[in-house]
C-alpha cells in the first residue's frame, strides 16, 4: 500500500487539523536494565530451555504496519496502525 509523505490529520496537542510528516515506525533497541528484560534473562539462565515454547508453524503471513506521524506545527508524534499488509510504502505524492 502506498501512503503519502505528508498527510493532513488531527493533532491532539494543537487540537486542530494540521499537516503531519509520515515515516515508517521502527522499534528501538531494548533496554537491558528494564525490569521485564531482567526478568526474561533471569528465566533464561540455567539448564532449562526457552521461556515459552516456540511456534512450529506460522499462523499469520503478514505483520500490522505502523507509521509515525509528526506534526509540523508543534512536533507531536503519534502512531497510526494501517492494519495487516505485506508492505507499506511512503511516497511523495499518491
Protein backbone atom coordinates (compact mmCIF):
# COMPACT_ATOMS: atom_id res chain seq x y z
CA UNK A 1 0.00 0.00 0.00
CA UNK A 2 1.25 3.46 -0.82
CA UNK A 3 0.95 6.15 1.86
CA UNK A 4 1.62 9.89 1.28
CA UNK A 5 4.68 11.56 2.86
CA UNK A 6 2.56 14.49 4.10
CA UNK A 7 -0.93 13.97 5.45
CA UNK A 8 -3.42 16.41 6.97
CA UNK A 9 -4.83 14.89 10.17
CA UNK A 10 -5.89 15.80 13.71
CA UNK A 11 -3.20 16.79 16.23
CA UNK A 12 -4.30 16.26 19.86
CA UNK A 13 -1.83 18.84 21.18
CA UNK A 14 -2.77 21.61 18.71
CA UNK A 15 -6.44 20.50 18.94
CA UNK A 16 -6.86 21.17 15.23
CA UNK A 17 -6.15 19.55 11.86
CA UNK A 18 -2.55 20.14 10.76
CA UNK A 19 -0.09 18.74 8.22
CA UNK A 20 1.87 15.73 9.52
CA UNK A 21 5.09 14.18 8.18
CA UNK A 22 4.78 10.40 7.77
CA UNK A 23 7.66 7.99 8.31
CA UNK A 24 7.85 4.22 8.88
CA UNK A 25 7.83 3.11 12.53
CA UNK A 26 10.86 1.13 13.66
CA UNK A 27 11.08 -0.23 17.22
CA UNK A 28 14.16 0.93 19.10
CA UNK A 29 16.77 -1.13 20.90
CA UNK A 30 15.52 -2.89 24.03
CA UNK A 31 16.75 -1.51 27.35
CA UNK A 32 18.88 -4.11 29.10
CA UNK A 33 18.15 -2.67 32.57
CA UNK A 34 14.34 -2.64 32.17
CA UNK A 35 12.52 -4.85 34.68
CA UNK A 36 10.88 -7.02 32.01
CA UNK A 37 14.20 -7.64 30.24
CA UNK A 38 15.94 -8.53 33.53
CA UNK A 39 13.13 -10.95 34.39
CA UNK A 40 13.33 -12.51 30.91
CA UNK A 41 17.11 -13.01 31.12
CA UNK A 42 16.86 -14.44 34.63
CA UNK A 43 14.33 -17.04 33.41
CA UNK A 44 16.64 -17.99 30.52
CA UNK A 45 19.53 -18.81 32.90
CA UNK A 46 20.32 -22.37 33.96
CA UNK A 47 19.78 -25.72 32.29
CA UNK A 48 16.22 -25.10 31.15
CA UNK A 49 15.16 -24.32 27.63
CA UNK A 50 13.31 -21.32 26.24
CA UNK A 51 10.90 -19.44 28.48
CA UNK A 52 7.95 -20.09 26.16
CA UNK A 53 7.52 -22.79 23.52
CA UNK A 54 8.47 -21.71 20.02
CA UNK A 55 5.71 -21.83 17.45
CA UNK A 56 6.31 -24.57 14.88
CA UNK A 57 4.16 -23.21 12.05
CA UNK A 58 3.38 -19.61 11.27
CA UNK A 59 -0.25 -18.72 11.84
CA UNK A 60 -0.01 -15.34 10.11
CA UNK A 61 1.81 -14.39 6.93
CA UNK A 62 1.71 -10.59 7.35
CA UNK A 63 2.51 -8.00 10.01
CA UNK A 64 0.49 -5.00 11.11
CA UNK A 65 2.16 -2.00 9.50
CA UNK A 66 2.58 1.13 11.67
CA UNK A 67 3.61 4.63 10.57
CA UNK A 68 4.79 7.58 12.63
CA UNK A 69 3.02 10.91 12.09
CA UNK A 70 4.86 14.03 13.27
CA UNK A 71 3.02 17.36 13.46
CA UNK A 72 4.83 20.09 11.50
CA UNK A 73 3.47 22.81 13.82
CA UNK A 74 4.24 21.52 17.34
CA UNK A 75 6.35 18.39 16.67
CA UNK A 76 3.96 15.98 18.46
CA UNK A 77 4.36 12.39 17.27
CA UNK A 78 1.59 9.83 17.07
CA UNK A 79 1.43 6.30 15.65
CA UNK A 80 -1.13 5.09 13.15
CA UNK A 81 -1.75 1.41 12.52
CA UNK A 82 -2.53 0.69 8.87
CA UNK A 83 -3.58 -2.90 9.51
CA UNK A 84 -2.26 -6.13 8.04
CA UNK A 85 -0.44 -5.92 4.74
CA UNK A 86 2.70 -7.24 3.12
CA UNK A 87 4.37 -3.85 2.68
CA UNK A 88 3.62 -0.18 3.38
CA UNK A 89 5.46 2.28 1.18
CA UNK A 90 5.71 6.03 1.83
CA UNK A 91 5.70 8.08 -1.36
CA UNK A 92 5.89 11.83 -2.11
CA UNK A 93 2.54 12.10 -3.92
CA UNK A 94 -0.22 9.48 -4.13
